[in-house]
Amino acid sequence: MMKVLTANRLSDGIAVWLGANGQWLENIDNALIARHEAAADALDEAGKSAFNANVVVDIALIDVDEQDGEIYPIRLRERIRATGPTIRLDLGKQADFKPASAA
């Protein structure tokens, strides 16, 4: 079981993930991974606290996997939220993506 906590930032609606430093991050790469039920419960409580403080909305624990050292959301919906719109590669987070150069 591996989960991360995601939400939408209330101020601008951007998809965010809770990091190990307690900050809401715009990139899933540094999200805090819960690897057991107690850790997932702690993430859930942190999300409820942030929701009650009007920082984020739509909090959810999502299932993830690690692939080549990177966090990979299991559900397609969450992969789209992590990378941005699927139809315009020049907009959203994918516009900033730089593929590794072939060596």
C-alpha atoms as a PDB file:
ATOM      1  CA  MET A   1       0.000   0.000   0.000  1.00  0.00           C
ATOM      2  CA  MET A   2       1.399   3.355  -1.066  1.00  0.00           C
ATOM      3  CA  LYS A   3      -0.664   6.533  -0.969  1.00  0.00           C
ATOM      4  CA  VAL A   4      -0.154  10.273  -1.279  1.00  0.00           C
ATOM      5  CA  LEU A   5      -2.490  13.089  -0.293  1.00  0.00           C
ATOM      6  CA  THR A   6      -3.766  15.346  -3.034  1.00  0.00           C
ATOM      7  CA  ALA A   7      -6.158  18.289  -3.092  1.00  0.00           C
ATOM      8  CA  ASN A   8      -6.891  21.484  -4.945  1.00  0.00           C
ATOM      9  CA  ARG A   9      -5.506  24.706  -3.540  1.00  0.00           C
ATOM     10  CA  LEU A  10      -8.424  26.929  -2.589  1.00  0.00           C
ATOM     11  CA  SER A  11      -6.793  30.171  -3.744  1.00  0.00           C
ATOM     12  CA  ASP A  12      -6.377  29.142  -7.398  1.00  0.00           C
ATOM     13  CA  GLY A  13      -7.708  25.596  -7.893  1.00  0.00           C
ATOM     14  CA  ILE A  14      -4.303  24.123  -8.789  1.00  0.00           C
ATOM     15  CA  ALA A  15      -3.837  20.409  -8.026  1.00  0.00           C
ATOM     16  CA  VAL A  16      -1.398  20.021  -5.117  1.00  0.00           C
ATOM     17  CA  TRP A  17       0.192  17.214  -3.094  1.00  0.00           C
ATOM     18  CA  LEU A  18       1.271  17.242   0.533  1.00  0.00           C
ATOM     19  CA  GLY A  19       5.048  17.147   0.921  1.00  0.00           C
ATOM     20  CA  ALA A  20       7.174  15.807   3.749  1.00  0.00           C
ATOM     21  CA  ASN A  21       7.790  19.391   4.870  1.00  0.00           C
ATOM     22  CA  GLY A  22       4.051  19.915   5.422  1.00  0.00           C
ATOM     23  CA  GLN A  23       3.760  22.252   2.441  1.00  0.00           C
ATOM     24  CA  TRP A  24       1.326  21.779  -0.429  1.00  0.00           C
ATOM     25  CA  LEU A  25       3.400  21.211  -3.566  1.00  0.00           C
ATOM     26  CA  GLU A  26       2.392  21.757  -7.197  1.00  0.00           C
ATOM     27  CA  ASN A  27       4.442  18.750  -8.305  1.00  0.00           C
ATOM     28  CA  ILE A  28       3.772  15.163  -7.216  1.00  0.00           C
ATOM     29  CA  ASP A  29       7.477  14.275  -7.353  1.00  0.00           C
ATOM     30  CA  ASN A  30       8.154  15.360  -3.764  1.00  0.00           C
ATOM     31  CA  ALA A  31       4.878  14.221  -2.217  1.00  0.00           C
ATOM     32  CA  LEU A  32       5.063  12.388   1.092  1.00  0.00           C
ATOM     33  CA  ILE A  33       4.332   8.694   0.507  1.00  0.00           C
ATOM     34  CA  ALA A  34       2.367   6.773   3.123  1.00  0.00           C
ATOM     35  CA  ARG A  35       3.603   3.185   3.093  1.00  0.00           C
ATOM     36  CA  HIS A  36       1.325   1.791   5.834  1.00  0.00           C
ATOM     37  CA  GLU A  37      -2.145   2.412   7.225  1.00  0.00           C
ATOM     38  CA  ALA A  38      -1.056   4.572  10.177  1.00  0.00           C
ATOM     39  CA  ALA A  39       0.858   6.896   7.844  1.00  0.00           C
ATOM     40  CA  ALA A  40      -2.147   7.095   5.495  1.00  0.00           C
ATOM     41  CA  ASP A  41      -4.366   7.988   8.474  1.00  0.00           C
ATOM     42  CA  ALA A  42      -1.919  10.758   9.446  1.00  0.00           C
ATOM     43  CA  LEU A  43      -2.003  12.140   5.887  1.00  0.00           C
ATOM     44  CA  ASP A  44      -5.783  12.061   5.936  1.00  0.00           C
ATOM     45  CA  GLU A  45      -5.838  14.032   9.202  1.00  0.00           C
ATOM     46  CA  ALA A  46      -3.402  16.592   7.747  1.00  0.00           C
ATOM     47  CA  GLY A  47      -5.714  16.995   4.766  1.00  0.00           C
ATOM     48  CA  LYS A  48      -8.763  17.503   6.972  1.00  0.00           C
ATOM     49  CA  SER A  49      -6.868  20.109   8.969  1.00  0.00           C
ATOM     50  CA  ALA A  50      -5.873  22.002   5.806  1.00  0.00           C
ATOM     51  CA  PHE A  51      -9.454  21.781   4.542  1.00  0.00           C
ATOM     52  CA  ASN A  52     -10.799  23.165   7.831  1.00  0.00           C
ATOM     53  CA  ALA A  53      -8.252  26.009   7.600  1.00  0.00           C
ATOM     54  CA  ASN A  54      -9.535  26.867   4.080  1.00  0.00           C
ATOM     55  CA  VAL A  55      -6.211  26.053   2.422  1.00  0.00           C
ATOM     56  CA  VAL A  56      -7.364  23.221   0.145  1.00  0.00           C
ATOM     57  CA  VAL A  57     -10.529  21.510  -1.085  1.00  0.00           C
ATOM     58  CA  ASP A  58     -11.307  18.104  -2.574  1.00  0.00           C
ATOM     59  CA  ILE A  59      -8.728  16.265  -0.435  1.00  0.00           C
ATOM     60  CA  ALA A  60      -8.111  12.638  -1.350  1.00  0.00           C
ATOM     61  CA  LEU A  61      -5.694   9.863  -0.541  1.00  0.00           C
ATOM     62  CA  ILE A  62      -4.699   8.310  -3.848  1.00  0.00           C
ATOM     63  CA  ASP A  63      -2.945   5.060  -4.673  1.00  0.00           C
ATOM     64  CA  VAL A  64       0.498   5.418  -6.179  1.00  0.00           C
ATOM     65  CA  ASP A  65       3.401   3.252  -7.235  1.00  0.00           C
ATOM     66  CA  GLU A  66       7.078   4.064  -7.581  1.00  0.00           C
ATOM     67  CA  GLN A  67       8.533   3.553 -11.032  1.00  0.00           C
ATOM     68  CA  ASP A  68      12.211   4.277 -11.636  1.00  0.00           C
ATOM     69  CA  GLY A  69      12.289   6.344  -8.443  1.00  0.00           C
ATOM     70  CA  GLU A  70       9.318   8.498  -9.433  1.00  0.00           C
ATOM     71  CA  ILE A  71       5.814   8.621  -8.003  1.00  0.00           C
ATOM     72  CA  TYR A  72       3.265   7.227 -10.451  1.00  0.00           C
ATOM     73  CA  PRO A  73      -0.482   7.594  -9.727  1.00  0.00           C
ATOM     74  CA  ILE A  74      -2.433   4.385 -10.379  1.00  0.00           C
ATOM     75  CA  ARG A  75      -5.665   5.965 -11.662  1.00  0.00           C
ATOM     76  CA  LEU A  76      -5.689   7.784 -14.992  1.00  0.00           C
ATOM     77  CA  ARG A  77      -7.563  10.726 -13.454  1.00  0.00           C
ATOM     78  CA  GLU A  78      -4.739  11.274 -10.993  1.00  0.00           C
ATOM     79  CA  ARG A  79      -2.051  10.937 -13.681  1.00  0.00           C
ATOM     80  CA  ILE A  80      -3.833  13.679 -15.643  1.00  0.00           C
ATOM     81  CA  ARG A  81      -4.033  15.887 -12.534  1.00  0.00           C
ATOM     82  CA  ALA A  82      -0.297  15.367 -11.979  1.00  0.00           C
ATOM     83  CA  THR A  83       0.732  16.237 -15.534  1.00  0.00           C
ATOM     84  CA  GLY A  84      -1.864  18.707 -16.751  1.00  0.00           C
ATOM     85  CA  PRO A  85      -4.286  18.857 -19.694  1.00  0.00           C
ATOM     86  CA  THR A  86      -4.099  16.028 -22.197  1.00  0.00           C
ATOM     87  CA  ILE A  87      -4.729  17.961 -25.397  1.00  0.00           C
ATOM     88  CA  ARG A  88      -2.273  20.873 -25.326  1.00  0.00           C
ATOM     89  CA  LEU A  89       1.361  20.011 -24.711  1.00  0.00           C
ATOM     90  CA  ASP A  90       2.247  23.709 -24.710  1.00  0.00           C
ATOM     91  CA  LEU A  91       0.068  24.436 -21.645  1.00  0.00           C
ATOM     92  CA  GLY A  92       0.112  23.277 -18.048  1.00  0.00           C
ATOM     93  CA  LYS A  93       2.770  21.259 -16.294  1.00  0.00           C
ATOM     94  CA  GLN A  94       3.673  19.280 -19.404  1.00  0.00           C
ATOM     95  CA  ALA A  95       4.917  22.507 -21.056  1.00  0.00           C
ATOM     96  CA  ASP A  96       7.719  22.577 -18.493  1.00  0.00           C
ATOM     97  CA  PHE A  97       8.618  18.908 -18.962  1.00  0.00           C
ATOM     98  CA  LYS A  98      12.093  18.362 -20.412  1.00  0.00           C
ATOM     99  CA  PRO A  99      12.657  14.792 -21.651  1.00  0.00           C
ATOM    100  CA  ALA A 100      15.964  13.182 -20.800  1.00  0.00           C
ATOM    101  CA  SER A 101      18.388  13.475 -23.681  1.00  0.00           C
ATOM    102  CA  ALA A 102      19.499  10.230 -25.282  1.00  0.00           C
ATOM    103  CA  ALA A 103      23.122   9.462 -24.547  1.00  0.00           C
END
